Protein backbone atom coordinates (compact mmCIF):
# COMPACT_ATOMS: atom_id res chain seq x y z
CA UNK A 1 -27.55 74.12 -19.29
CA UNK A 2 -24.79 72.86 -15.91
CA UNK A 3 -21.11 74.85 -16.42
CA UNK A 4 -19.70 71.30 -16.38
CA UNK A 5 -21.88 70.93 -19.88
CA UNK A 6 -21.21 74.33 -21.50
CA UNK A 7 -17.67 74.66 -20.51
CA UNK A 8 -16.06 71.60 -18.90
CA UNK A 9 -12.22 72.18 -18.63
CA UNK A 10 -11.87 68.23 -18.32
CA UNK A 11 -14.23 65.94 -20.21
CA UNK A 12 -13.70 62.42 -19.59
CA UNK A 13 -14.99 59.58 -22.19
CA UNK A 14 -15.74 56.14 -21.76
CA UNK A 15 -12.68 55.97 -19.19
CA UNK A 16 -11.90 51.54 -18.83
CA UNK A 17 -9.11 50.65 -15.74
CA UNK A 18 -8.34 47.06 -16.19
CA UNK A 19 -5.33 45.25 -13.98
CA UNK A 20 -5.71 41.86 -15.23
CA UNK A 21 -8.72 40.34 -14.74
CA UNK A 22 -10.23 43.28 -12.50
CA UNK A 23 -12.03 46.09 -13.90
CA UNK A 24 -11.65 48.97 -11.63
CA UNK A 25 -13.84 51.35 -14.01
CA UNK A 26 -15.74 50.59 -16.16
CA UNK A 27 -16.98 52.92 -19.03
CA UNK A 28 -17.12 56.33 -17.14
CA UNK A 29 -17.84 59.35 -18.52
CA UNK A 30 -18.46 62.90 -16.73
CA UNK A 31 -17.55 66.95 -17.07
CA UNK A 32 -15.67 69.14 -14.79
CA UNK A 33 -16.51 72.38 -15.13
CA UNK A 34 -14.28 75.15 -15.46
CA UNK A 35 -14.41 77.43 -12.81
CA UNK A 36 -15.79 74.59 -10.53
CA UNK A 37 -15.46 72.76 -7.31
CA UNK A 38 -16.20 68.91 -8.59
CA UNK A 39 -16.37 66.39 -5.64
CA UNK A 40 -15.92 62.77 -6.77
CA UNK A 41 -17.42 60.52 -4.11
CA UNK A 42 -18.13 56.81 -3.38
CA UNK A 43 -17.96 54.01 -1.14
CA UNK A 44 -14.65 52.79 -0.43
CA UNK A 45 -13.28 50.66 -3.49
CA UNK A 46 -15.80 52.72 -5.70
CA UNK A 47 -12.48 53.58 -7.93
CA UNK A 48 -11.90 57.20 -6.99
CA UNK A 49 -8.31 57.15 -6.68
CA UNK A 50 -7.48 55.29 -9.79
CA UNK A 51 -9.70 57.81 -11.84
CA UNK A 52 -7.49 60.10 -10.37
CA UNK A 53 -4.27 58.28 -11.26
CA UNK A 54 -5.58 58.28 -14.81
CA UNK A 55 -6.02 61.70 -14.98
CA UNK A 56 -2.62 62.90 -13.61
CA UNK A 57 -0.38 60.22 -15.47
CA UNK A 58 0.20 57.78 -12.84
CA UNK A 59 -1.97 55.29 -15.24
CA UNK A 60 -2.49 55.03 -18.64
CA UNK A 61 -6.22 53.89 -19.10
CA UNK A 62 -6.88 50.42 -21.03
CA UNK A 63 -9.67 52.53 -22.87
CA UNK A 64 -11.14 56.19 -23.21
CA UNK A 65 -9.92 59.74 -23.51
CA UNK A 66 -9.05 62.40 -21.25
CA UNK A 67 -9.32 65.54 -22.61
CA UNK A 68 -8.13 69.00 -20.82
CA UNK A 69 -9.16 72.25 -22.64
CA UNK A 70 -6.68 75.03 -21.35
CA UNK A 71 -7.95 78.51 -20.84
CA UNK A 72 -6.66 80.01 -23.86
CA UNK A 73 -8.30 77.19 -26.00
CA UNK A 74 -5.24 74.52 -26.28
CA UNK A 75 -6.28 71.19 -25.76
CA UNK A 76 -4.39 67.73 -24.28
CA UNK A 77 -5.05 64.22 -24.35
CA UNK A 78 -3.79 63.20 -21.21
CA UNK A 79 -4.33 59.81 -21.54
CA UNK A 80 -1.19 60.30 -24.40
CA UNK A 81 1.40 62.48 -22.28
CA UNK A 82 3.76 61.48 -19.80
CA UNK A 83 2.56 62.57 -15.87
CA UNK A 84 5.27 65.35 -15.77
CA UNK A 85 3.73 66.84 -19.15
CA UNK A 86 0.39 66.45 -17.43
CA UNK A 87 2.02 68.84 -14.79
CA UNK A 88 4.23 71.36 -16.77
CA UNK A 89 2.03 71.76 -20.46
CA UNK A 90 -1.76 70.29 -19.39
CA UNK A 91 -1.41 72.16 -16.08
CA UNK A 92 -2.93 69.46 -14.05
CA UNK A 93 -1.98 69.34 -10.20
CA UNK A 94 -2.43 66.82 -7.51
CA UNK A 95 -1.95 66.38 -3.79
CA UNK A 96 -2.20 62.84 -2.40
CA UNK A 97 -4.32 61.04 0.23
CA UNK A 98 -1.28 60.47 2.29
CA UNK A 99 0.37 63.76 3.11
CA UNK A 100 3.97 64.19 0.91
CA UNK A 101 5.90 66.97 2.08
CA UNK A 102 9.40 67.18 2.05
CA UNK A 103 9.94 67.18 6.41
CA UNK A 104 13.26 67.80 6.37
CA UNK A 105 13.24 70.85 4.35
CA UNK A 106 11.74 73.99 5.25
CA UNK A 107 8.38 75.32 4.36
CA UNK A 108 9.67 77.97 2.02
CA UNK A 109 11.67 75.11 0.11
CA UNK A 110 9.12 72.89 -0.27
CA UNK A 111 6.98 75.48 -2.19
CA UNK A 112 10.33 75.89 -4.18
CA UNK A 113 10.77 72.98 -5.49
CA UNK A 114 7.60 72.58 -7.00
CA UNK A 115 8.58 75.36 -9.13
CA UNK A 116 12.05 73.49 -9.86
CA UNK A 117 11.22 73.04 -13.72
CA UNK A 118 10.79 76.10 -14.88
CA UNK A 119 13.62 77.73 -12.70
CA UNK A 120 15.86 74.94 -14.49
CA UNK A 121 14.47 76.14 -17.74
CA UNK A 122 15.75 79.96 -17.28
CA UNK A 123 19.18 78.66 -15.74
CA UNK A 124 19.85 76.82 -19.10
CA UNK A 125 19.51 73.58 -17.14
CA UNK A 126 22.11 74.73 -13.85
CA UNK A 127 25.13 77.01 -16.16
CA UNK A 128 22.69 80.21 -16.24
CA UNK A 129 22.25 79.78 -12.17
CA UNK A 130 26.41 78.61 -11.75
CA UNK A 131 26.85 82.56 -13.33
CA UNK A 132 24.52 84.01 -12.04
CA UNK A 133 22.99 85.34 -15.42
CA UNK A 134 20.18 87.77 -15.33
CA UNK A 135 17.72 85.86 -16.47
CA UNK A 136 17.74 83.30 -13.99
CA UNK A 137 18.06 85.76 -11.28
CA UNK A 138 14.54 87.22 -12.34
CA UNK A 139 12.93 83.83 -12.63
CA UNK A 140 14.43 83.01 -9.03
CA UNK A 141 12.61 86.30 -7.38
CA UNK A 142 9.44 86.07 -8.79
CA UNK A 143 9.84 81.95 -7.56
CA UNK A 144 10.40 83.34 -4.13
CA UNK A 145 7.35 85.86 -4.39
CA UNK A 146 5.29 83.08 -5.48
CA UNK A 147 6.24 81.05 -2.70
CA UNK A 148 5.71 84.10 0.12
CA UNK A 149 2.25 84.73 -1.81
CA UNK A 150 1.27 81.23 -0.98
CA UNK A 151 3.04 81.31 2.15
CA UNK A 152 0.14 84.34 3.22
CA UNK A 153 -2.50 82.48 1.81
CA UNK A 154 -2.20 79.67 4.15
CA UNK A 155 -0.60 82.38 7.23
CA UNK A 156 2.49 80.50 7.43
CA UNK A 157 5.17 82.96 6.40
CA UNK A 158 5.94 84.03 9.72
CA UNK A 159 7.38 80.07 10.02
CA UNK A 160 8.76 79.71 6.50
CA UNK A 161 11.99 78.66 7.78
CA UNK A 162 10.67 76.18 9.81
CA UNK A 163 10.89 72.27 8.90
CA UNK A 164 7.49 71.34 6.93
CA UNK A 165 7.87 67.95 9.20
CA UNK A 166 7.26 70.24 12.64
CA UNK A 167 3.82 71.83 11.02
CA UNK A 168 0.36 70.14 12.24
CA UNK A 169 -1.25 67.82 10.57
CA UNK A 170 -3.81 70.90 9.17
CA UNK A 171 -0.94 73.10 8.36
CA UNK A 172 0.77 70.39 6.59
CA UNK A 173 -2.60 69.77 4.12
CA UNK A 174 -3.00 73.32 3.58
CA UNK A 175 0.98 73.52 2.69
CA UNK A 176 1.01 70.60 0.14
CA UNK A 177 -2.29 72.44 -1.48
CA UNK A 178 0.21 75.73 -1.76
CA UNK A 179 2.49 73.36 -3.21
CA UNK A 180 0.27 72.63 -6.27
CA UNK A 181 -0.59 75.95 -6.80
CA UNK A 182 2.91 77.19 -6.88
CA UNK A 183 2.97 74.78 -10.32
CA UNK A 184 0.43 77.40 -11.58
CA UNK A 185 -2.51 74.81 -12.33
CA UNK A 186 -5.99 75.29 -14.10
CA UNK A 187 -6.93 72.12 -12.62
CA UNK A 188 -6.16 70.91 -9.23
CA UNK A 189 -6.83 67.52 -8.29
CA UNK A 190 -7.18 66.94 -4.44
CA UNK A 191 -7.25 63.42 -3.28
CA UNK A 192 -9.13 63.42 0.48
CA UNK A 193 -7.59 66.77 1.44
CA UNK A 194 -10.24 66.97 4.51
CA UNK A 195 -9.43 63.40 6.05
CA UNK A 196 -7.71 63.62 9.27
CA UNK A 197 -9.22 67.33 9.75
CA UNK A 198 -10.51 69.01 13.22
CA UNK A 199 -13.71 71.37 11.95
CA UNK A 200 -11.58 74.35 12.35
CA UNK A 201 -9.47 72.83 10.14
CA UNK A 202 -11.85 71.83 7.64
CA UNK A 203 -13.45 75.24 7.46
CA UNK A 204 -9.80 77.07 6.65
CA UNK A 205 -9.89 74.30 4.02
CA UNK A 206 -13.00 75.15 2.55
CA UNK A 207 -11.96 78.98 2.87
CA UNK A 208 -8.78 78.21 1.05
CA UNK A 209 -10.76 76.42 -1.85
CA UNK A 210 -13.07 78.75 -2.29
CA UNK A 211 -10.19 81.60 -3.07
CA UNK A 212 -8.49 79.65 -5.40
CA UNK A 213 -11.48 78.89 -7.29
CA UNK A 214 -12.33 82.42 -7.26
CA UNK A 215 -9.21 84.35 -7.35
CA UNK A 216 -7.29 82.19 -9.59
CA UNK A 217 -9.46 80.69 -11.90
CA UNK A 218 -8.81 77.37 -10.83
CA UNK A 219 -10.47 74.67 -11.08
CA UNK A 220 -10.79 71.88 -8.30
CA UNK A 221 -11.78 68.07 -8.30
CA UNK A 222 -11.59 66.48 -5.01
CA UNK A 223 -11.97 62.93 -3.63
CA UNK A 224 -13.83 63.43 -0.33
CA UNK A 225 -15.43 61.14 2.11
CA UNK A 226 -16.80 63.99 4.74
CA UNK A 227 -19.74 65.16 3.07
CA UNK A 228 -20.17 68.14 5.24
CA UNK A 229 -17.25 69.86 2.87
CA UNK A 230 -19.00 67.99 0.12
CA UNK A 231 -21.86 69.47 0.16
CA UNK A 232 -20.64 73.19 1.62
CA UNK A 233 -18.73 73.78 -1.16
CA UNK A 234 -19.45 71.32 -4.05
CA UNK A 235 -20.89 73.05 -7.42
CA UNK A 236 -20.92 69.64 -8.62
CA UNK A 237 -20.57 65.84 -7.40
CA UNK A 238 -20.19 62.27 -9.44
CA UNK A 239 -20.53 59.37 -7.54
CA UNK A 240 -18.97 56.33 -8.58
CA UNK A 241 -19.98 52.58 -7.15
CA UNK A 242 -17.74 49.63 -8.25
CA UNK A 243 -16.20 51.85 -11.17
CA UNK A 244 -19.59 52.87 -12.28
CA UNK A 245 -20.92 56.23 -12.33
CA UNK A 246 -24.34 55.95 -10.43
CA UNK A 247 -25.07 60.12 -10.10
CA UNK A 248 -24.05 63.04 -11.42
CA UNK A 249 -25.36 66.42 -10.58
CA UNK A 250 -25.56 69.30 -8.18
CA UNK A 251 -25.10 68.23 -3.86
CA UNK A 252 -28.77 68.47 -3.86
CA UNK A 253 -29.82 66.31 -6.65
CA UNK A 254 -27.08 63.74 -5.63
CA UNK A 255 -27.82 63.82 -1.96
CA UNK A 256 -31.74 62.73 -2.61
CA UNK A 257 -30.96 60.17 -5.16
CA UNK A 258 -31.56 56.48 -4.72
CA UNK A 259 -28.90 54.98 -6.07
CA UNK A 260 -26.24 56.78 -3.85
CA UNK A 261 -28.31 56.69 -1.06
CA UNK A 262 -28.58 52.46 -1.77
CA UNK A 263 -24.69 52.32 -2.50
CA UNK A 264 -24.08 54.74 0.88
CA UNK A 265 -26.02 51.93 2.81
CA UNK A 266 -25.39 49.15 0.99
CA UNK A 267 -28.78 47.85 -0.10
CA UNK A 268 -30.16 47.44 -3.80
CA UNK A 269 -32.27 50.32 -5.00
CA UNK A 270 -35.84 48.98 -3.88
CA UNK A 271 -34.72 48.47 -0.67
CA UNK A 272 -33.95 51.97 -0.14
CA UNK A 273 -37.56 53.13 1.12
CA UNK A 274 -37.43 50.15 3.88
CA UNK A 275 -34.30 51.08 5.55
CA UNK A 276 -34.99 54.52 5.60
CA UNK A 277 -38.11 53.95 7.69
CA UNK A 278 -35.97 51.81 9.61
CA UNK A 279 -33.32 53.70 10.50
CA UNK A 280 -36.11 57.44 10.49
CA UNK A 281 -34.02 58.93 7.72
């Protein structure tokens, strides 16, 4: 039995999202396996980002359940939680298709911002910080160490005091992932992390994601159009088309599925063979 069926970290059950008369997601069910890298793929407009928005609390689903199972056995119904609670309590973190770093802050400060909530709690909502109490000092040191750890992982420790806006596009992508990891997530949601990367940067991204999965037991789900990234690092692939799941399985299974080929070629299922022959696939 597959890990996503046997030990899911997230179960998406009958998810439906409507915007007025438009059904963006229709009765979608799939699992994300604990410790897996799961890719959510499909043609433009398939509903992938809408699924992410439902998982992370930006949208409240019209119907369905999103069950997050923490490693300690604690379960959360994400559709009932505020977005900040999904990050803080359910331990789900996210990056966006468009990079959203604080460009005027330093690289280090961007990683410290991600740890704002626990630092505020440790400071008793600023009083402890202003008075320099021991609990806050200890938490602040730990936050700096966490930030330094991730800066070393993405090879930016020597530039920690430089503005984030000065980084190359690839470095900004990795910094955004490092910032998400500073929240200590058990599920990391990445929206097109390889978009705009050159081959060297894509390789660095793949290495970082494999490290996150292996060394931090963090499950990863990503939206991606770069099939070389998807096929190289994914354990599990879920394919959407017009808000409906059309395939679900290993990368090898999915890439040979006629429904997937038809969706990407823009033809009906029964025309796949003819088109493949014509284009020499």
